[in-house]
């Protein structure tokens, strides 16, 4: 499965105490669009991804999208973070 398109929507919630730095969307194999992937800055300064979630009837947040293959998951993470850094010139 190949990542055929990436779009990053940067914004900074740091001024209001948030840690979300951007929202991304990716297209896989020109067939599947995944939206609302958040790029979040950790307390130590690193960046990680938060995939779309929904609130369950029990009040917990449950992932809507899960990447099951560890290598593919790491590749998606690296491509999105690298694109964000390129756009932000970090």
C-alpha atoms as a PDB file:
ATOM      1  CA  UNK A   1       0.000   0.000   0.000  1.00  0.00           C
ATOM      2  CA  UNK A   2       1.427   3.348  -1.031  1.00  0.00           C
ATOM      3  CA  UNK A   3       0.777   6.839   0.290  1.00  0.00           C
ATOM      4  CA  UNK A   4      -0.160   8.707  -2.877  1.00  0.00           C
ATOM      5  CA  UNK A   5      -1.119  12.120  -1.442  1.00  0.00           C
ATOM      6  CA  UNK A   6      -0.563  14.072   1.764  1.00  0.00           C
ATOM      7  CA  UNK A   7      -2.143  17.375   2.777  1.00  0.00           C
ATOM      8  CA  UNK A   8      -1.138  19.196   5.956  1.00  0.00           C
ATOM      9  CA  UNK A   9      -3.251  21.935   7.539  1.00  0.00           C
ATOM     10  CA  UNK A  10      -0.947  23.641  10.061  1.00  0.00           C
ATOM     11  CA  UNK A  11      -2.288  25.618  12.987  1.00  0.00           C
ATOM     12  CA  UNK A  12      -1.023  26.126  16.481  1.00  0.00           C
ATOM     13  CA  UNK A  13      -3.129  25.669  19.581  1.00  0.00           C
ATOM     14  CA  UNK A  14      -0.139  26.426  21.832  1.00  0.00           C
ATOM     15  CA  UNK A  15      -1.359  29.943  22.542  1.00  0.00           C
ATOM     16  CA  UNK A  16      -4.472  28.527  24.205  1.00  0.00           C
ATOM     17  CA  UNK A  17      -2.705  25.669  25.965  1.00  0.00           C
ATOM     18  CA  UNK A  18      -3.259  22.955  23.355  1.00  0.00           C
ATOM     19  CA  UNK A  19      -0.633  20.722  21.813  1.00  0.00           C
ATOM     20  CA  UNK A  20      -2.156  20.094  18.347  1.00  0.00           C
ATOM     21  CA  UNK A  21       0.122  21.584  15.706  1.00  0.00           C
ATOM     22  CA  UNK A  22      -1.619  20.496  12.488  1.00  0.00           C
ATOM     23  CA  UNK A  23      -4.213  18.224  10.948  1.00  0.00           C
ATOM     24  CA  UNK A  24      -3.290  15.928   8.082  1.00  0.00           C
ATOM     25  CA  UNK A  25      -5.071  13.862   5.512  1.00  0.00           C
ATOM     26  CA  UNK A  26      -3.562  11.091   3.427  1.00  0.00           C
ATOM     27  CA  UNK A  27      -4.650   9.112   0.392  1.00  0.00           C
ATOM     28  CA  UNK A  28      -3.619   5.473   0.092  1.00  0.00           C
ATOM     29  CA  UNK A  29      -3.247   3.910  -3.367  1.00  0.00           C
ATOM     30  CA  UNK A  30      -5.312   6.768  -4.872  1.00  0.00           C
ATOM     31  CA  UNK A  31      -8.299   4.954  -3.331  1.00  0.00           C
ATOM     32  CA  UNK A  32      -8.696   5.530   0.411  1.00  0.00           C
ATOM     33  CA  UNK A  33      -8.781   8.974   2.049  1.00  0.00           C
ATOM     34  CA  UNK A  34      -8.094   9.264   5.780  1.00  0.00           C
ATOM     35  CA  UNK A  35      -8.870  12.681   7.271  1.00  0.00           C
ATOM     36  CA  UNK A  36      -8.443  14.272  10.682  1.00  0.00           C
ATOM     37  CA  UNK A  37      -5.028  12.842  11.576  1.00  0.00           C
ATOM     38  CA  UNK A  38      -3.734  15.216  14.250  1.00  0.00           C
ATOM     39  CA  UNK A  39      -0.064  16.077  14.603  1.00  0.00           C
ATOM     40  CA  UNK A  40       0.460  16.598  18.323  1.00  0.00           C
ATOM     41  CA  UNK A  41       3.493  17.857  20.204  1.00  0.00           C
ATOM     42  CA  UNK A  42       4.351  15.787  23.278  1.00  0.00           C
ATOM     43  CA  UNK A  43       5.332  17.350  26.593  1.00  0.00           C
ATOM     44  CA  UNK A  44       8.960  16.523  25.780  1.00  0.00           C
ATOM     45  CA  UNK A  45       8.760  18.329  22.420  1.00  0.00           C
ATOM     46  CA  UNK A  46       8.503  15.335  20.077  1.00  0.00           C
ATOM     47  CA  UNK A  47       5.736  14.960  17.522  1.00  0.00           C
ATOM     48  CA  UNK A  48       3.270  12.093  17.275  1.00  0.00           C
ATOM     49  CA  UNK A  49       0.094  11.282  15.351  1.00  0.00           C
ATOM     50  CA  UNK A  50      -3.392  10.890  16.732  1.00  0.00           C
ATOM     51  CA  UNK A  51      -5.739   9.111  14.347  1.00  0.00           C
ATOM     52  CA  UNK A  52      -9.468   9.895  14.165  1.00  0.00           C
ATOM     53  CA  UNK A  53     -11.480   8.864  17.214  1.00  0.00           C
ATOM     54  CA  UNK A  54     -15.100   8.800  18.290  1.00  0.00           C
ATOM     55  CA  UNK A  55     -16.665   8.767  21.710  1.00  0.00           C
ATOM     56  CA  UNK A  56     -18.208   5.440  22.709  1.00  0.00           C
ATOM     57  CA  UNK A  57     -21.438   5.058  24.649  1.00  0.00           C
ATOM     58  CA  UNK A  58     -19.293   4.377  27.741  1.00  0.00           C
ATOM     59  CA  UNK A  59     -17.612   7.773  27.313  1.00  0.00           C
ATOM     60  CA  UNK A  60     -14.254   6.399  26.128  1.00  0.00           C
ATOM     61  CA  UNK A  61     -12.577   7.509  22.930  1.00  0.00           C
ATOM     62  CA  UNK A  62     -12.133   4.708  20.399  1.00  0.00           C
ATOM     63  CA  UNK A  63      -9.928   4.789  17.296  1.00  0.00           C
ATOM     64  CA  UNK A  64     -11.861   4.861  14.035  1.00  0.00           C
ATOM     65  CA  UNK A  65      -8.748   4.060  12.002  1.00  0.00           C
ATOM     66  CA  UNK A  66      -6.039   1.668  13.144  1.00  0.00           C
ATOM     67  CA  UNK A  67      -2.898   0.804  11.230  1.00  0.00           C
ATOM     68  CA  UNK A  68      -2.280  -2.852  12.027  1.00  0.00           C
ATOM     69  CA  UNK A  69       1.064  -3.344  10.291  1.00  0.00           C
ATOM     70  CA  UNK A  70       3.869  -1.888  12.413  1.00  0.00           C
ATOM     71  CA  UNK A  71       6.162  -1.121   9.459  1.00  0.00           C
ATOM     72  CA  UNK A  72       3.400   0.598   7.499  1.00  0.00           C
ATOM     73  CA  UNK A  73       2.341   2.523  10.592  1.00  0.00           C
ATOM     74  CA  UNK A  74       5.896   3.796  11.067  1.00  0.00           C
ATOM     75  CA  UNK A  75       6.136   4.718   7.375  1.00  0.00           C
ATOM     76  CA  UNK A  76       2.893   6.729   7.582  1.00  0.00           C
ATOM     77  CA  UNK A  77       4.082   8.453  10.750  1.00  0.00           C
ATOM     78  CA  UNK A  78       7.464   9.332   9.249  1.00  0.00           C
ATOM     79  CA  UNK A  79       6.012  10.653   5.966  1.00  0.00           C
ATOM     80  CA  UNK A  80       3.434  12.872   7.710  1.00  0.00           C
ATOM     81  CA  UNK A  81       5.889  14.245  10.295  1.00  0.00           C
ATOM     82  CA  UNK A  82       8.533  14.896   7.611  1.00  0.00           C
ATOM     83  CA  UNK A  83       5.995  16.729   5.422  1.00  0.00           C
ATOM     84  CA  UNK A  84       4.895  18.828   8.426  1.00  0.00           C
ATOM     85  CA  UNK A  85       8.520  19.724   9.236  1.00  0.00           C
ATOM     86  CA  UNK A  86       9.129  20.619   5.574  1.00  0.00           C
ATOM     87  CA  UNK A  87       6.108  22.938   5.494  1.00  0.00           C
ATOM     88  CA  UNK A  88       6.972  24.528   8.842  1.00  0.00           C
ATOM     89  CA  UNK A  89      10.696  24.670   7.929  1.00  0.00           C
ATOM     90  CA  UNK A  90      11.686  23.002  11.185  1.00  0.00           C
END
